Amino acid sequence: MILRQLKEKAMKKIKEDFRIVDFSFGLPYTYVVLEGPEGKAIGLAMTLPEEIGEYKTSFKSPSLKEFIDKTDSLNIIERTLGVATINAISQYYIDLSKTTSQDATDLIDDAKKIAVIGNMPPIVRSLKEKGKEIFVFERNPKLWDRETLSDSLEYYLLPEMDAVIVSGSALVNCTLDMIVERSKKAKKVILTGATAQVLPEFLKGSGVTHLASVKVIDVEKAILNLKMGSFRGFGEQSRKYVVEV
């Protein structure tokens, strides 16, 4: 299970005496802010309210270790905070000196049939402009449009795809394992969005080939905007990047 792999690798990676200085399970993003000798880092994870069964957790005393330990929990709240924590650790350590600021869609110019998992309008629009044959899958009915397919069809159609662009939310809803397993023909499996802030080395051998995400530069301003409910609360305070796994 990829989440279990992330949890184990994150725990081994930690060398500093990190301190969680802020966290929130909220809309639109859950976030965790940690601080180490080199400063602060924020990890993001898309909150999926449609997945919540009941609003309770088993946390006793929120801490870095306890949050990470719940990354593969069956409880969606615990799992979301776990992913955000691993993303915070990842963003503290990530080296962007050799990364590019290109879009995920620039990586798949040679692909003909492309799956987009999670209805992401900017990506869908860009691929349409490139004349690609695309299949857009979405789990949340509120995000469906006339061309969107139910995520139940992923199992059937993914083996036909030349490339797959996956929302980082697939980490939170535990579907990434199945997506990678069914995408054997795809030369590129790209995890994208704010939830895809994972350190590349954590996904080695997982089947994911690239990460397209954002690095928050101004942590304090991003936190303020997120607390006020801004969907793009980290937008102007961040930089996009694409990195190979």
Protein backbone atom coordinates (compact mmCIF):
# COMPACT_ATOMS: atom_id res chain seq x y z
CA MET A 1 0.00 0.00 0.00
CA ILE A 2 1.44 3.36 -1.08
CA LEU A 3 0.26 5.20 2.03
CA ARG A 4 2.02 2.67 4.24
CA GLN A 5 5.17 3.13 2.15
CA LEU A 6 4.96 6.90 2.60
CA LYS A 7 4.51 6.54 6.34
CA GLU A 8 7.52 4.28 6.76
CA LYS A 9 9.81 6.39 4.56
CA ALA A 10 8.76 9.64 6.22
CA MET A 11 9.55 8.28 9.69
CA LYS A 12 13.01 7.14 8.54
CA LYS A 13 13.69 10.50 6.87
CA ILE A 14 13.18 12.62 9.97
CA LYS A 15 16.47 13.68 11.52
CA GLU A 16 15.56 17.05 12.99
CA ASP A 17 13.58 17.77 16.11
CA PHE A 18 10.48 19.01 14.32
CA ARG A 19 7.70 20.86 16.09
CA ILE A 20 4.14 21.18 14.77
CA VAL A 21 3.29 24.87 15.11
CA ASP A 22 -0.13 24.89 13.43
CA PHE A 23 -2.60 22.52 11.80
CA SER A 24 -6.19 22.47 10.65
CA PHE A 25 -8.62 19.97 9.18
CA GLY A 26 -10.63 22.46 7.15
CA LEU A 27 -11.96 23.53 3.79
CA PRO A 28 -10.76 23.59 1.13
CA TYR A 29 -7.43 22.23 2.36
CA THR A 30 -6.21 20.52 5.47
CA TYR A 31 -2.75 21.77 6.39
CA VAL A 32 0.06 21.05 8.83
CA VAL A 33 2.88 23.48 9.57
CA LEU A 34 6.08 22.21 11.11
CA GLU A 35 9.23 24.01 12.17
CA GLY A 36 12.80 22.77 12.21
CA PRO A 37 16.30 24.31 12.35
CA GLU A 38 15.92 25.57 8.75
CA GLY A 39 12.54 27.23 9.29
CA LYS A 40 8.91 26.41 8.63
CA ALA A 41 7.24 24.24 5.99
CA ILE A 42 3.57 23.70 5.24
CA GLY A 43 2.02 20.51 3.92
CA LEU A 44 -1.36 20.53 2.20
CA ALA A 45 -3.99 17.88 1.55
CA MET A 46 -7.32 18.34 -0.19
CA THR A 47 -10.19 17.87 2.25
CA LEU A 48 -12.86 15.51 0.90
CA PRO A 49 -16.08 16.25 2.85
CA GLU A 50 -18.04 13.74 0.77
CA GLU A 51 -15.88 10.96 2.24
CA ILE A 52 -16.54 11.84 5.90
CA GLY A 53 -18.72 9.37 7.78
CA GLU A 54 -18.46 10.84 11.27
CA TYR A 55 -16.54 13.70 12.77
CA LYS A 56 -14.35 12.01 15.34
CA THR A 57 -10.77 10.76 15.58
CA SER A 58 -8.63 8.65 17.89
CA PHE A 59 -5.91 11.29 18.36
CA LYS A 60 -4.86 11.60 21.99
CA SER A 61 -2.25 14.33 21.88
CA PRO A 62 -1.62 15.65 18.34
CA SER A 63 2.04 15.28 17.46
CA LEU A 64 4.21 14.68 14.43
CA LYS A 65 4.56 10.96 15.12
CA GLU A 66 0.87 10.45 15.88
CA PHE A 67 -0.23 12.26 12.71
CA ILE A 68 2.19 10.26 10.54
CA ASP A 69 1.17 7.02 12.19
CA LYS A 70 -2.45 7.59 11.09
CA THR A 71 -1.61 8.14 7.41
CA ASP A 72 -3.05 4.75 6.44
CA SER A 73 -5.99 4.97 8.85
CA LEU A 74 -9.49 4.03 7.68
CA ASN A 75 -10.67 7.29 9.25
CA ILE A 76 -10.65 9.99 6.54
CA ILE A 77 -9.88 12.82 8.98
CA GLU A 78 -6.87 10.99 10.42
CA ARG A 79 -5.70 10.00 6.95
CA THR A 80 -5.95 13.55 5.60
CA LEU A 81 -3.94 14.99 8.50
CA GLY A 82 -1.40 12.21 8.01
CA VAL A 83 -0.92 13.03 4.32
CA ALA A 84 -0.64 16.75 5.10
CA THR A 85 2.03 15.98 7.71
CA ILE A 86 4.06 13.86 5.31
CA ASN A 87 3.75 16.66 2.76
CA ALA A 88 5.05 19.15 5.34
CA ILE A 89 8.08 16.94 5.97
CA SER A 90 8.55 16.55 2.22
CA GLN A 91 8.42 20.30 1.64
CA TYR A 92 10.97 20.90 4.38
CA TYR A 93 13.46 18.61 2.67
CA ILE A 94 12.65 18.99 -1.03
CA ASP A 95 15.36 20.43 -3.29
CA LEU A 96 13.84 22.42 -6.15
CA SER A 97 17.12 23.59 -7.67
CA LYS A 98 16.85 21.11 -10.56
CA THR A 99 13.07 21.16 -11.02
CA THR A 100 11.11 22.92 -13.77
CA SER A 101 8.02 25.11 -13.60
CA GLN A 102 6.34 23.45 -16.59
CA ASP A 103 2.79 22.11 -16.41
CA ALA A 104 1.92 18.44 -16.07
CA THR A 105 0.38 18.52 -19.54
CA ASP A 106 3.76 19.42 -21.08
CA LEU A 107 5.10 15.99 -20.09
CA ILE A 108 2.74 13.98 -22.28
CA ASP A 109 2.92 15.53 -25.75
CA ASP A 110 3.63 12.09 -27.24
CA ALA A 111 0.61 10.39 -25.64
CA LYS A 112 -2.61 9.82 -27.56
CA LYS A 113 -5.10 8.50 -25.01
CA ILE A 114 -4.90 10.27 -21.67
CA ALA A 115 -6.77 9.70 -18.42
CA VAL A 116 -7.37 12.63 -16.09
CA ILE A 117 -8.38 11.34 -12.68
CA GLY A 118 -10.19 14.08 -10.80
CA ASN A 119 -12.04 16.67 -12.85
CA MET A 120 -9.40 19.41 -13.07
CA PRO A 121 -10.72 22.01 -15.56
CA PRO A 122 -7.39 23.78 -16.33
CA ILE A 123 -5.72 20.47 -17.18
CA VAL A 124 -8.71 19.22 -19.16
CA ARG A 125 -8.88 22.49 -21.10
CA SER A 126 -5.15 22.43 -21.88
CA LEU A 127 -5.31 18.84 -23.16
CA LYS A 128 -8.32 19.62 -25.34
CA GLU A 129 -6.45 22.54 -26.87
CA LYS A 130 -3.64 20.12 -27.70
CA GLY A 131 -6.14 17.88 -29.50
CA LYS A 132 -5.72 14.91 -27.17
CA GLU A 133 -8.23 12.12 -26.66
CA ILE A 134 -9.00 12.41 -22.98
CA PHE A 135 -11.07 10.49 -20.45
CA VAL A 136 -11.97 12.46 -17.32
CA PHE A 137 -12.92 10.47 -14.22
CA GLU A 138 -14.46 11.93 -11.08
CA ARG A 139 -15.70 10.39 -7.84
CA ASN A 140 -17.64 13.39 -6.52
CA PRO A 141 -20.96 13.81 -8.44
CA LYS A 142 -20.96 17.53 -7.62
CA LEU A 143 -17.93 17.92 -9.91
CA TRP A 144 -19.37 16.01 -12.85
CA ASP A 145 -20.19 17.59 -16.18
CA ARG A 146 -21.49 16.11 -19.43
CA GLU A 147 -18.11 14.66 -20.38
CA THR A 148 -17.11 13.34 -16.96
CA LEU A 149 -17.01 9.61 -16.30
CA SER A 150 -17.67 7.93 -12.99
CA ASP A 151 -14.52 6.73 -11.25
CA SER A 152 -16.03 3.23 -11.30
CA LEU A 153 -14.95 3.05 -14.96
CA GLU A 154 -11.27 3.56 -14.12
CA TYR A 155 -10.73 -0.13 -13.52
CA TYR A 156 -12.08 -0.91 -16.99
CA LEU A 157 -10.48 1.89 -19.03
CA LEU A 158 -7.09 2.64 -17.45
CA PRO A 159 -5.28 -0.30 -19.12
CA GLU A 160 -5.90 1.44 -22.48
CA MET A 161 -4.26 4.75 -21.54
CA ASP A 162 -0.90 6.03 -22.78
CA ALA A 163 -0.58 8.54 -19.92
CA VAL A 164 -2.41 9.22 -16.67
CA ILE A 165 -2.67 12.52 -14.78
CA VAL A 166 -3.91 11.90 -11.25
CA SER A 167 -5.12 14.38 -8.66
CA GLY A 168 -3.13 14.14 -5.44
CA SER A 169 -6.47 13.46 -3.76
CA ALA A 170 -5.99 9.86 -4.86
CA LEU A 171 -3.60 9.60 -1.91
CA VAL A 172 -6.27 10.76 0.50
CA ASN A 173 -9.04 8.50 -0.82
CA CYS A 174 -6.72 5.48 -1.11
CA THR A 175 -7.26 4.90 -4.84
CA LEU A 176 -3.70 5.52 -6.05
CA ASP A 177 -2.66 1.88 -5.65
CA MET A 178 -5.42 0.68 -7.95
CA ILE A 179 -4.81 3.48 -10.46
CA VAL A 180 -1.11 2.65 -10.78
CA GLU A 181 -1.81 -1.08 -10.96
CA ARG A 182 -4.33 -0.65 -13.81
CA SER A 183 -2.18 1.85 -15.74
CA LYS A 184 0.46 -0.64 -16.91
CA LYS A 185 0.46 0.66 -20.49
CA ALA A 186 0.97 4.28 -19.43
CA LYS A 187 4.51 5.56 -19.86
CA LYS A 188 3.83 8.43 -17.49
CA VAL A 189 1.71 8.52 -14.35
CA ILE A 190 1.74 12.07 -13.03
CA LEU A 191 0.48 12.94 -9.55
CA THR A 192 -0.58 16.58 -9.52
CA GLY A 193 -2.04 19.33 -7.39
CA ALA A 194 -1.32 20.69 -3.93
CA THR A 195 -1.79 17.26 -2.32
CA ALA A 196 1.05 15.92 -4.48
CA GLN A 197 3.75 17.67 -2.41
CA VAL A 198 5.33 14.33 -1.51
CA LEU A 199 9.11 14.02 -1.53
CA PRO A 200 9.94 12.16 -4.78
CA GLU A 201 12.09 9.56 -3.05
CA PHE A 202 9.08 8.51 -0.96
CA LEU A 203 7.35 7.28 -4.16
CA LYS A 204 10.27 5.38 -5.67
CA GLY A 205 9.02 2.06 -7.03
CA SER A 206 5.36 3.01 -6.63
CA GLY A 207 4.62 3.38 -10.34
CA VAL A 208 4.21 7.16 -10.15
CA THR A 209 6.68 8.73 -12.62
CA HIS A 210 6.34 12.48 -11.96
CA LEU A 211 5.03 14.95 -9.39
CA ALA A 212 3.56 18.31 -10.41
CA SER A 213 2.84 20.37 -7.32
CA VAL A 214 3.49 23.64 -5.47
CA LYS A 215 6.04 24.84 -2.96
CA VAL A 216 4.67 27.43 -0.53
CA ILE A 217 7.19 30.22 -0.08
CA ASP A 218 5.33 32.64 2.20
CA VAL A 219 3.99 30.21 4.81
CA GLU A 220 2.46 32.82 7.15
CA LYS A 221 0.44 34.54 4.45
CA ALA A 222 -0.69 31.22 3.00
CA ILE A 223 -1.93 30.10 6.43
CA LEU A 224 -3.89 33.32 6.89
CA ASN A 225 -5.59 32.96 3.51
CA LEU A 226 -6.37 29.29 4.09
CA LYS A 227 -7.91 30.09 7.47
CA MET A 228 -10.20 32.56 5.72
CA GLY A 229 -11.35 29.86 3.30
CA SER A 230 -9.51 30.90 0.17
CA PHE A 231 -9.35 28.02 -2.31
CA ARG A 232 -6.13 29.46 -3.69
CA GLY A 233 -4.84 30.65 -0.35
CA PHE A 234 -1.31 29.58 -1.22
CA GLY A 235 -1.38 30.62 -4.89
CA GLU A 236 0.53 33.88 -4.91
CA GLN A 237 2.75 32.66 -2.08
CA SER A 238 3.95 29.57 -3.93
CA ARG A 239 5.80 28.31 -6.99
CA LYS A 240 4.79 25.45 -9.24
CA TYR A 241 7.22 22.67 -10.02
CA VAL A 242 7.49 19.38 -11.87
CA VAL A 243 9.93 16.70 -10.71
CA GLU A 244 10.65 13.17 -11.82
CA VAL A 245 10.28 10.41 -9.26
